[in-house]
Amino acid sequence: MAEAALHREEGALVLFSGGQDSATCLAYALERFGRVETLGFDYGQRHAVELERRPVLRAAFRALNPLWAARLGDDHVLDLPVLGQISDTALTRDVAVHMEANGLPNTFVPGRNLVFLTFAAALAYRRGLRHLVGGMCETDFSGYPDCRDDTIKAMQVALNLGMEKRFVLHTPLMWIDKAETWRLAEHLGGRPLVDLIVEETHTCYLGDRGHRRAWGYGCGECPACRLRADGFARYSAD
């Protein structure tokens, strides 16, 4: 993998929530970088069960591939309760998921990815890591403006100017849909990685771990579950 060889001697920080997308991004980073650290955020999210999956997934990644085990470094979790305090959304309050008048679902937490990337860059600065990897996607998403490619490019410029660094923001899922995300996971780690993502990651906005489906655990009705289920169905049909 030529691209992977370019970054073998460098380190990366993966924004790792414990969901399908961030798990795929972790595999992506472990294939490319010599040292990979992970970062999660506790902001009072309704689906905080995703945070419980993170150590389980990290241990499973190590068991899956000895090269990944050697490259996987420290884990970090930052508490950002203020983000939940100022966000009246279905991700931070016990309310039904619906579309707002502005065309965005009420699961949109304004500024969330901007805050995440700022804190990630500050941590990367201290840890000596130049590459930041996130699961933002403009193809299969709910219209969140902070998931768009233009936003990420602008953030890279702002972070580099504000910290006088040369951070590189990687978004390997930006232009692929959920079916292709499943395919990417299989390409990176074979069927064992796909099975691991199905069983151990969490995506459901309602935090439902009581219903096991072909694509994993979740309510099956929220936007995150519907995207994941539809992508898995199309991936499995190939």
C-alpha atoms as a PDB file:
ATOM      1  CA  MET A   1       0.000   0.000   0.000  1.00  0.00           C
ATOM      2  CA  ALA A   2       1.996   2.987  -1.290  1.00  0.00           C
ATOM      3  CA  GLU A   3       0.061   5.639   0.621  1.00  0.00           C
ATOM      4  CA  ALA A   4       0.532   3.698   3.855  1.00  0.00           C
ATOM      5  CA  ALA A   5       4.297   3.635   3.384  1.00  0.00           C
ATOM      6  CA  LEU A   6       4.380   7.447   3.261  1.00  0.00           C
ATOM      7  CA  HIS A   7       3.233   7.775   6.872  1.00  0.00           C
ATOM      8  CA  ARG A   8       4.832   4.710   8.482  1.00  0.00           C
ATOM      9  CA  GLU A   9       7.211   6.800  10.595  1.00  0.00           C
ATOM     10  CA  GLU A  10       4.584   9.285  11.761  1.00  0.00           C
ATOM     11  CA  GLY A  11       1.911   9.244  14.445  1.00  0.00           C
ATOM     12  CA  ALA A  12      -1.839   9.790  14.279  1.00  0.00           C
ATOM     13  CA  LEU A  13      -4.700  10.580  16.634  1.00  0.00           C
ATOM     14  CA  VAL A  14      -8.043   8.967  15.760  1.00  0.00           C
ATOM     15  CA  LEU A  15     -11.324  10.502  16.914  1.00  0.00           C
ATOM     16  CA  PHE A  16     -12.699   7.223  18.231  1.00  0.00           C
ATOM     17  CA  SER A  17     -16.276   7.219  19.495  1.00  0.00           C
ATOM     18  CA  GLY A  18     -16.851   3.471  19.585  1.00  0.00           C
ATOM     19  CA  GLY A  19     -19.110   3.461  16.523  1.00  0.00           C
ATOM     20  CA  GLN A  20     -18.882   1.814  13.111  1.00  0.00           C
ATOM     21  CA  ASP A  21     -17.319   4.767  11.318  1.00  0.00           C
ATOM     22  CA  SER A  22     -14.645   5.521  13.900  1.00  0.00           C
ATOM     23  CA  ALA A  23     -13.738   1.816  14.178  1.00  0.00           C
ATOM     24  CA  THR A  24     -13.201   1.729  10.418  1.00  0.00           C
ATOM     25  CA  CYS A  25     -11.092   4.887  10.712  1.00  0.00           C
ATOM     26  CA  LEU A  26      -9.017   3.248  13.440  1.00  0.00           C
ATOM     27  CA  ALA A  27      -8.231   0.322  11.138  1.00  0.00           C
ATOM     28  CA  TYR A  28      -7.383   2.812   8.382  1.00  0.00           C
ATOM     29  CA  ALA A  29      -4.928   4.608  10.678  1.00  0.00           C
ATOM     30  CA  LEU A  30      -3.344   1.422  12.004  1.00  0.00           C
ATOM     31  CA  GLU A  31      -2.546   0.379   8.434  1.00  0.00           C
ATOM     32  CA  ARG A  32      -0.829   3.697   7.693  1.00  0.00           C
ATOM     33  CA  PHE A  33       0.849   5.107  10.773  1.00  0.00           C
ATOM     34  CA  GLY A  34       3.581   3.782  13.019  1.00  0.00           C
ATOM     35  CA  ARG A  35       1.922   5.028  16.206  1.00  0.00           C
ATOM     36  CA  VAL A  36      -1.807   5.514  16.660  1.00  0.00           C
ATOM     37  CA  GLU A  37      -3.554   6.991  19.693  1.00  0.00           C
ATOM     38  CA  THR A  38      -7.302   7.297  20.199  1.00  0.00           C
ATOM     39  CA  LEU A  39      -9.521  10.026  21.596  1.00  0.00           C
ATOM     40  CA  GLY A  40     -13.108   9.901  22.807  1.00  0.00           C
ATOM     41  CA  PHE A  41     -15.422  12.589  24.159  1.00  0.00           C
ATOM     42  CA  ASP A  42     -17.982  12.412  26.958  1.00  0.00           C
ATOM     43  CA  TYR A  43     -20.361  15.323  26.367  1.00  0.00           C
ATOM     44  CA  GLY A  44     -23.485  13.955  28.035  1.00  0.00           C
ATOM     45  CA  GLN A  45     -24.572  12.118  24.904  1.00  0.00           C
ATOM     46  CA  ARG A  46     -27.744  10.086  25.157  1.00  0.00           C
ATOM     47  CA  HIS A  47     -25.978   7.101  23.592  1.00  0.00           C
ATOM     48  CA  ALA A  48     -23.105   7.156  26.098  1.00  0.00           C
ATOM     49  CA  VAL A  49     -23.036   3.360  25.831  1.00  0.00           C
ATOM     50  CA  GLU A  50     -20.708   3.997  22.862  1.00  0.00           C
ATOM     51  CA  LEU A  51     -18.023   5.015  25.362  1.00  0.00           C
ATOM     52  CA  GLU A  52     -18.280   1.591  27.011  1.00  0.00           C
ATOM     53  CA  ARG A  53     -17.485  -0.083  23.690  1.00  0.00           C
ATOM     54  CA  ARG A  54     -14.195   1.762  23.212  1.00  0.00           C
ATOM     55  CA  PRO A  55     -11.939  -0.326  25.528  1.00  0.00           C
ATOM     56  CA  VAL A  56     -13.606  -3.524  24.293  1.00  0.00           C
ATOM     57  CA  LEU A  57     -12.881  -2.547  20.700  1.00  0.00           C
ATOM     58  CA  ARG A  58      -9.297  -1.488  21.402  1.00  0.00           C
ATOM     59  CA  ALA A  59      -8.580  -4.866  23.012  1.00  0.00           C
ATOM     60  CA  ALA A  60     -10.226  -6.666  20.104  1.00  0.00           C
ATOM     61  CA  PHE A  61      -8.194  -4.669  17.551  1.00  0.00           C
ATOM     62  CA  ARG A  62      -5.018  -5.737  19.311  1.00  0.00           C
ATOM     63  CA  ALA A  63      -6.104  -9.380  19.231  1.00  0.00           C
ATOM     64  CA  LEU A  64      -7.076  -9.156  15.561  1.00  0.00           C
ATOM     65  CA  ASN A  65      -3.701  -8.162  14.147  1.00  0.00           C
ATOM     66  CA  PRO A  66      -0.251  -8.264  15.814  1.00  0.00           C
ATOM     67  CA  LEU A  67       0.932  -5.323  13.686  1.00  0.00           C
ATOM     68  CA  TRP A  68      -2.038  -3.268  14.868  1.00  0.00           C
ATOM     69  CA  ALA A  69      -1.295  -4.332  18.445  1.00  0.00           C
ATOM     70  CA  ALA A  70       2.239  -2.977  18.138  1.00  0.00           C
ATOM     71  CA  ARG A  71       1.077   0.330  16.681  1.00  0.00           C
ATOM     72  CA  LEU A  72      -1.915   1.032  18.929  1.00  0.00           C
ATOM     73  CA  GLY A  73      -0.862   3.481  21.607  1.00  0.00           C
ATOM     74  CA  ASP A  74      -2.540   5.412  24.397  1.00  0.00           C
ATOM     75  CA  ASP A  75      -6.220   6.157  24.718  1.00  0.00           C
ATOM     76  CA  HIS A  76      -7.675   9.455  25.907  1.00  0.00           C
ATOM     77  CA  VAL A  77     -11.190  10.526  26.939  1.00  0.00           C
ATOM     78  CA  LEU A  78     -12.036  14.190  27.412  1.00  0.00           C
ATOM     79  CA  ASP A  79     -15.028  15.358  29.438  1.00  0.00           C
ATOM     80  CA  LEU A  80     -16.957  18.092  27.634  1.00  0.00           C
ATOM     81  CA  PRO A  81     -20.206  18.396  29.620  1.00  0.00           C
ATOM     82  CA  VAL A  82     -20.587  22.014  28.553  1.00  0.00           C
ATOM     83  CA  LEU A  83     -21.327  20.840  25.003  1.00  0.00           C
ATOM     84  CA  GLY A  84     -24.311  18.879  26.267  1.00  0.00           C
ATOM     85  CA  GLN A  85     -25.399  21.736  28.511  1.00  0.00           C
ATOM     86  CA  ILE A  86     -25.736  24.171  25.620  1.00  0.00           C
ATOM     87  CA  SER A  87     -27.178  21.656  23.133  1.00  0.00           C
ATOM     88  CA  ASP A  88     -30.927  21.117  23.236  1.00  0.00           C
ATOM     89  CA  THR A  89     -30.867  18.160  20.842  1.00  0.00           C
ATOM     90  CA  ALA A  90     -32.086  14.568  20.589  1.00  0.00           C
ATOM     91  CA  LEU A  91     -28.494  13.411  21.193  1.00  0.00           C
ATOM     92  CA  THR A  92     -28.320  15.149  24.551  1.00  0.00           C
ATOM     93  CA  ARG A  93     -31.979  15.109  25.678  1.00  0.00           C
ATOM     94  CA  ASP A  94     -34.628  12.390  26.003  1.00  0.00           C
ATOM     95  CA  VAL A  95     -36.800  13.627  23.133  1.00  0.00           C
ATOM     96  CA  ALA A  96     -38.045  12.061  19.903  1.00  0.00           C
ATOM     97  CA  VAL A  97     -35.875  12.316  16.783  1.00  0.00           C
ATOM     98  CA  HIS A  98     -37.461  14.526  14.105  1.00  0.00           C
ATOM     99  CA  MET A  99     -36.597  16.962  11.336  1.00  0.00           C
ATOM    100  CA  GLU A 100     -36.360  20.648  12.203  1.00  0.00           C
ATOM    101  CA  ALA A 101     -37.677  23.534  10.105  1.00  0.00           C
ATOM    102  CA  ASN A 102     -34.150  24.229   8.835  1.00  0.00           C
ATOM    103  CA  GLY A 103     -33.995  20.776   7.238  1.00  0.00           C
ATOM    104  CA  LEU A 104     -31.590  19.317   9.788  1.00  0.00           C
ATOM    105  CA  PRO A 105     -32.544  16.511  12.182  1.00  0.00           C
ATOM    106  CA  ASN A 106     -32.705  17.459  15.839  1.00  0.00           C
ATOM    107  CA  THR A 107     -29.769  15.108  16.439  1.00  0.00           C
ATOM    108  CA  PHE A 108     -27.464  17.867  15.149  1.00  0.00           C
ATOM    109  CA  VAL A 109     -25.267  19.181  17.973  1.00  0.00           C
ATOM    110  CA  PRO A 110     -24.132  22.630  16.752  1.00  0.00           C
ATOM    111  CA  GLY A 111     -20.362  22.975  16.654  1.00  0.00           C
ATOM    112  CA  ARG A 112     -19.684  19.445  17.900  1.00  0.00           C
ATOM    113  CA  ASN A 113     -17.095  18.452  15.294  1.00  0.00           C
ATOM    114  CA  LEU A 114     -15.513  21.897  15.420  1.00  0.00           C
ATOM    115  CA  VAL A 115     -15.034  21.504  19.173  1.00  0.00           C
ATOM    116  CA  PHE A 116     -13.856  17.908  18.801  1.00  0.00           C
ATOM    117  CA  LEU A 117     -11.238  18.783  16.197  1.00  0.00           C
ATOM    118  CA  THR A 118      -9.973  21.749  18.223  1.00  0.00           C
ATOM    119  CA  PHE A 119      -9.457  19.645  21.330  1.00  0.00           C
ATOM    120  CA  ALA A 120      -8.031  16.793  19.247  1.00  0.00           C
ATOM    121  CA  ALA A 121      -5.469  19.148  17.711  1.00  0.00           C
ATOM    122  CA  ALA A 122      -4.538  20.532  21.131  1.00  0.00           C
ATOM    123  CA  LEU A 123      -3.975  16.989  22.406  1.00  0.00           C
ATOM    124  CA  ALA A 124      -2.073  16.012  19.249  1.00  0.00           C
ATOM    125  CA  TYR A 125       0.131  19.086  19.720  1.00  0.00           C
ATOM    126  CA  ARG A 126       1.075  17.900  23.193  1.00  0.00           C
ATOM    127  CA  ARG A 127       1.504  14.260  22.133  1.00  0.00           C
ATOM    128  CA  GLY A 128       3.658  15.016  19.098  1.00  0.00           C
ATOM    129  CA  LEU A 129       1.106  13.667  16.600  1.00  0.00           C
ATOM    130  CA  ARG A 130       0.673  15.386  13.248  1.00  0.00           C
ATOM    131  CA  HIS A 131      -2.198  13.463  11.688  1.00  0.00           C
ATOM    132  CA  LEU A 132      -5.826  13.621  12.869  1.00  0.00           C
ATOM    133  CA  VAL A 133      -8.263  11.004  11.572  1.00  0.00           C
ATOM    134  CA  GLY A 134     -12.054  11.403  11.772  1.00  0.00           C
ATOM    135  CA  GLY A 135     -15.127   9.656  10.393  1.00  0.00           C
ATOM    136  CA  MET A 136     -16.830  12.732   8.939  1.00  0.00           C
ATOM    137  CA  CYS A 137     -18.729  11.921   5.763  1.00  0.00           C
ATOM    138  CA  GLU A 138     -20.529  14.053   3.191  1.00  0.00           C
ATOM    139  CA  THR A 139     -22.106  11.139   1.288  1.00  0.00           C
ATOM    140  CA  ASP A 140     -24.118   9.171   3.856  1.00  0.00           C
ATOM    141  CA  PHE A 141     -24.965  11.678   6.570  1.00  0.00           C
ATOM    142  CA  SER A 142     -27.872  13.647   7.950  1.00  0.00           C
ATOM    143  CA  GLY A 143     -26.919  16.986   6.432  1.00  0.00           C
ATOM    144  CA  TYR A 144     -24.715  18.057   9.325  1.00  0.00           C
ATOM    145  CA  PRO A 145     -22.720  21.073   8.087  1.00  0.00           C
ATOM    146  CA  ASP A 146     -19.739  20.180  10.305  1.00  0.00           C
ATOM    147  CA  CYS A 147     -19.341  16.883   8.427  1.00  0.00           C
ATOM    148  CA  ARG A 148     -18.762  18.552   5.071  1.00  0.00           C
ATOM    149  CA  ASP A 149     -15.436  18.487   3.278  1.00  0.00           C
ATOM    150  CA  ASP A 150     -15.284  22.290   3.069  1.00  0.00           C
ATOM    151  CA  THR A 151     -15.689  22.510   6.846  1.00  0.00           C
ATOM    152  CA  ILE A 152     -12.867  20.031   7.487  1.00  0.00           C
ATOM    153  CA  LYS A 153     -10.542  21.792   5.054  1.00  0.00           C
ATOM    154  CA  ALA A 154     -11.286  25.133   6.710  1.00  0.00           C
ATOM    155  CA  MET A 155     -10.646  23.628  10.150  1.00  0.00           C
ATOM    156  CA  GLN A 156      -7.285  22.284   9.006  1.00  0.00           C
ATOM    157  CA  VAL A 157      -6.260  25.773   7.894  1.00  0.00           C
ATOM    158  CA  ALA A 158      -7.499  27.376  11.129  1.00  0.00           C
ATOM    159  CA  LEU A 159      -5.796  24.797  13.375  1.00  0.00           C
ATOM    160  CA  ASN A 160      -2.507  25.094  11.542  1.00  0.00           C
ATOM    161  CA  LEU A 161      -2.594  28.891  11.699  1.00  0.00           C
ATOM    162  CA  GLY A 162      -3.723  28.999  15.322  1.00  0.00           C
ATOM    163  CA  MET A 163      -1.197  26.441  16.599  1.00  0.00           C
ATOM    164  CA  GLU A 164       1.568  27.080  14.065  1.00  0.00           C
ATOM    165  CA  LYS A 165       1.689  23.401  13.157  1.00  0.00           C
ATOM    166  CA  ARG A 166       1.269  21.341   9.991  1.00  0.00           C
ATOM    167  CA  PHE A 167      -1.583  19.081  11.053  1.00  0.00           C
ATOM    168  CA  VAL A 168      -3.156  16.917   8.367  1.00  0.00           C
ATOM    169  CA  LEU A 169      -6.853  16.036   8.801  1.00  0.00           C
ATOM    170  CA  HIS A 170      -7.776  12.689   7.254  1.00  0.00           C
ATOM    171  CA  THR A 171     -11.416  11.804   6.517  1.00  0.00           C
ATOM    172  CA  PRO A 172     -11.278   8.423   4.751  1.00  0.00           C
ATOM    173  CA  LEU A 173     -15.081   8.082   4.700  1.00  0.00           C
ATOM    174  CA  MET A 174     -15.810  11.530   3.291  1.00  0.00           C
ATOM    175  CA  TRP A 175     -16.883  10.422  -0.206  1.00  0.00           C
ATOM    176  CA  ILE A 176     -18.155   6.883   0.424  1.00  0.00           C
ATOM    177  CA  ASP A 177     -21.550   5.631   1.550  1.00  0.00           C
ATOM    178  CA  LYS A 178     -22.301   3.143   4.326  1.00  0.00           C
ATOM    179  CA  ALA A 179     -22.139   0.102   2.036  1.00  0.00           C
ATOM    180  CA  GLU A 180     -18.681   1.209   0.930  1.00  0.00           C
ATOM    181  CA  THR A 181     -17.711   1.776   4.564  1.00  0.00           C
ATOM    182  CA  TRP A 182     -18.469  -1.886   5.275  1.00  0.00           C
ATOM    183  CA  ARG A 183     -16.425  -2.829   2.195  1.00  0.00           C
ATOM    184  CA  LEU A 184     -13.534  -0.666   3.373  1.00  0.00           C
ATOM    185  CA  ALA A 185     -13.563  -2.458   6.730  1.00  0.00           C
ATOM    186  CA  GLU A 186     -13.388  -5.810   4.949  1.00  0.00           C
ATOM    187  CA  HIS A 187     -10.529  -4.545   2.777  1.00  0.00           C
ATOM    188  CA  LEU A 188      -8.597  -3.382   5.844  1.00  0.00           C
ATOM    189  CA  GLY A 189      -9.193  -6.302   8.197  1.00  0.00           C
ATOM    190  CA  GLY A 190     -11.069  -9.014   6.346  1.00  0.00           C
ATOM    191  CA  ARG A 191     -14.273 -10.580   7.526  1.00  0.00           C
ATOM    192  CA  PRO A 192     -12.998 -10.720  11.145  1.00  0.00           C
ATOM    193  CA  LEU A 193     -12.993  -6.912  11.277  1.00  0.00           C
ATOM    194  CA  VAL A 194     -16.486  -6.735   9.773  1.00  0.00           C
ATOM    195  CA  ASP A 195     -17.733  -9.231  12.369  1.00  0.00           C
ATOM    196  CA  LEU A 196     -16.056  -7.235  15.134  1.00  0.00           C
ATOM    197  CA  ILE A 197     -17.716  -4.018  13.981  1.00  0.00           C
ATOM    198  CA  VAL A 198     -21.104  -5.739  13.810  1.00  0.00           C
ATOM    199  CA  GLU A 199     -20.819  -7.192  17.300  1.00  0.00           C
ATOM    200  CA  GLU A 200     -18.971  -4.583  19.328  1.00  0.00           C
ATOM    201  CA  THR A 201     -19.487  -1.089  17.876  1.00  0.00           C
ATOM    202  CA  HIS A 202     -22.453   1.107  18.744  1.00  0.00           C
ATOM    203  CA  THR A 203     -24.208   3.572  16.438  1.00  0.00           C
ATOM    204  CA  CYS A 204     -27.826   3.802  17.648  1.00  0.00           C
ATOM    205  CA  TYR A 205     -28.731   7.327  18.799  1.00  0.00           C
ATOM    206  CA  LEU A 206     -31.055   5.920  21.481  1.00  0.00           C
ATOM    207  CA  GLY A 207     -28.304   3.798  23.054  1.00  0.00           C
ATOM    208  CA  ASP A 208     -30.214   0.554  22.459  1.00  0.00           C
ATOM    209  CA  ARG A 209     -28.026  -2.521  23.110  1.00  0.00           C
ATOM    210  CA  GLY A 210     -31.007  -4.798  23.718  1.00  0.00           C
ATOM    211  CA  HIS A 211     -31.838  -5.684  20.112  1.00  0.00           C
ATOM    212  CA  ARG A 212     -29.267  -7.650  18.089  1.00  0.00           C
ATOM    213  CA  ARG A 213     -29.759  -7.451  14.341  1.00  0.00           C
ATOM    214  CA  ALA A 214     -27.763  -8.672  11.339  1.00  0.00           C
ATOM    215  CA  TRP A 215     -25.865  -5.357  11.274  1.00  0.00           C
ATOM    216  CA  GLY A 216     -25.375  -5.038  15.034  1.00  0.00           C
ATOM    217  CA  TYR A 217     -27.226  -3.623  18.028  1.00  0.00           C
ATOM    218  CA  GLY A 218     -29.728  -0.792  17.891  1.00  0.00           C
ATOM    219  CA  CYS A 219     -33.329   0.341  17.882  1.00  0.00           C
ATOM    220  CA  GLY A 220     -33.570  -0.058  14.106  1.00  0.00           C
ATOM    221  CA  GLU A 221     -35.592   3.141  13.747  1.00  0.00           C
ATOM    222  CA  CYS A 222     -33.336   6.143  14.397  1.00  0.00           C
ATOM    223  CA  PRO A 223     -31.456   7.729  11.468  1.00  0.00           C
ATOM    224  CA  ALA A 224     -28.137   6.173  12.520  1.00  0.00           C
ATOM    225  CA  CYS A 225     -29.646   2.675  12.667  1.00  0.00           C
ATOM    226  CA  ARG A 226     -31.396   3.087   9.326  1.00  0.00           C
ATOM    227  CA  LEU A 227     -28.196   4.213   7.599  1.00  0.00           C
ATOM    228  CA  ARG A 228     -26.205   1.360   9.117  1.00  0.00           C
ATOM    229  CA  ALA A 229     -28.850  -1.254   8.300  1.00  0.00           C
ATOM    230  CA  ASP A 230     -29.303  -0.065   4.721  1.00  0.00           C
ATOM    231  CA  GLY A 231     -25.548   0.007   4.126  1.00  0.00           C
ATOM    232  CA  PHE A 232     -25.090  -3.469   5.563  1.00  0.00           C
ATOM    233  CA  ALA A 233     -27.906  -4.841   3.410  1.00  0.00           C
ATOM    234  CA  ARG A 234     -26.336  -3.437   0.245  1.00  0.00           C
ATOM    235  CA  TYR A 235     -22.869  -4.626   1.302  1.00  0.00           C
ATOM    236  CA  SER A 236     -24.188  -8.130   2.034  1.00  0.00           C
ATOM    237  CA  ALA A 237     -26.007  -8.318  -1.298  1.00  0.00           C
ATOM    238  CA  ASP A 238     -22.758  -8.009  -3.284  1.00  0.00           C
END
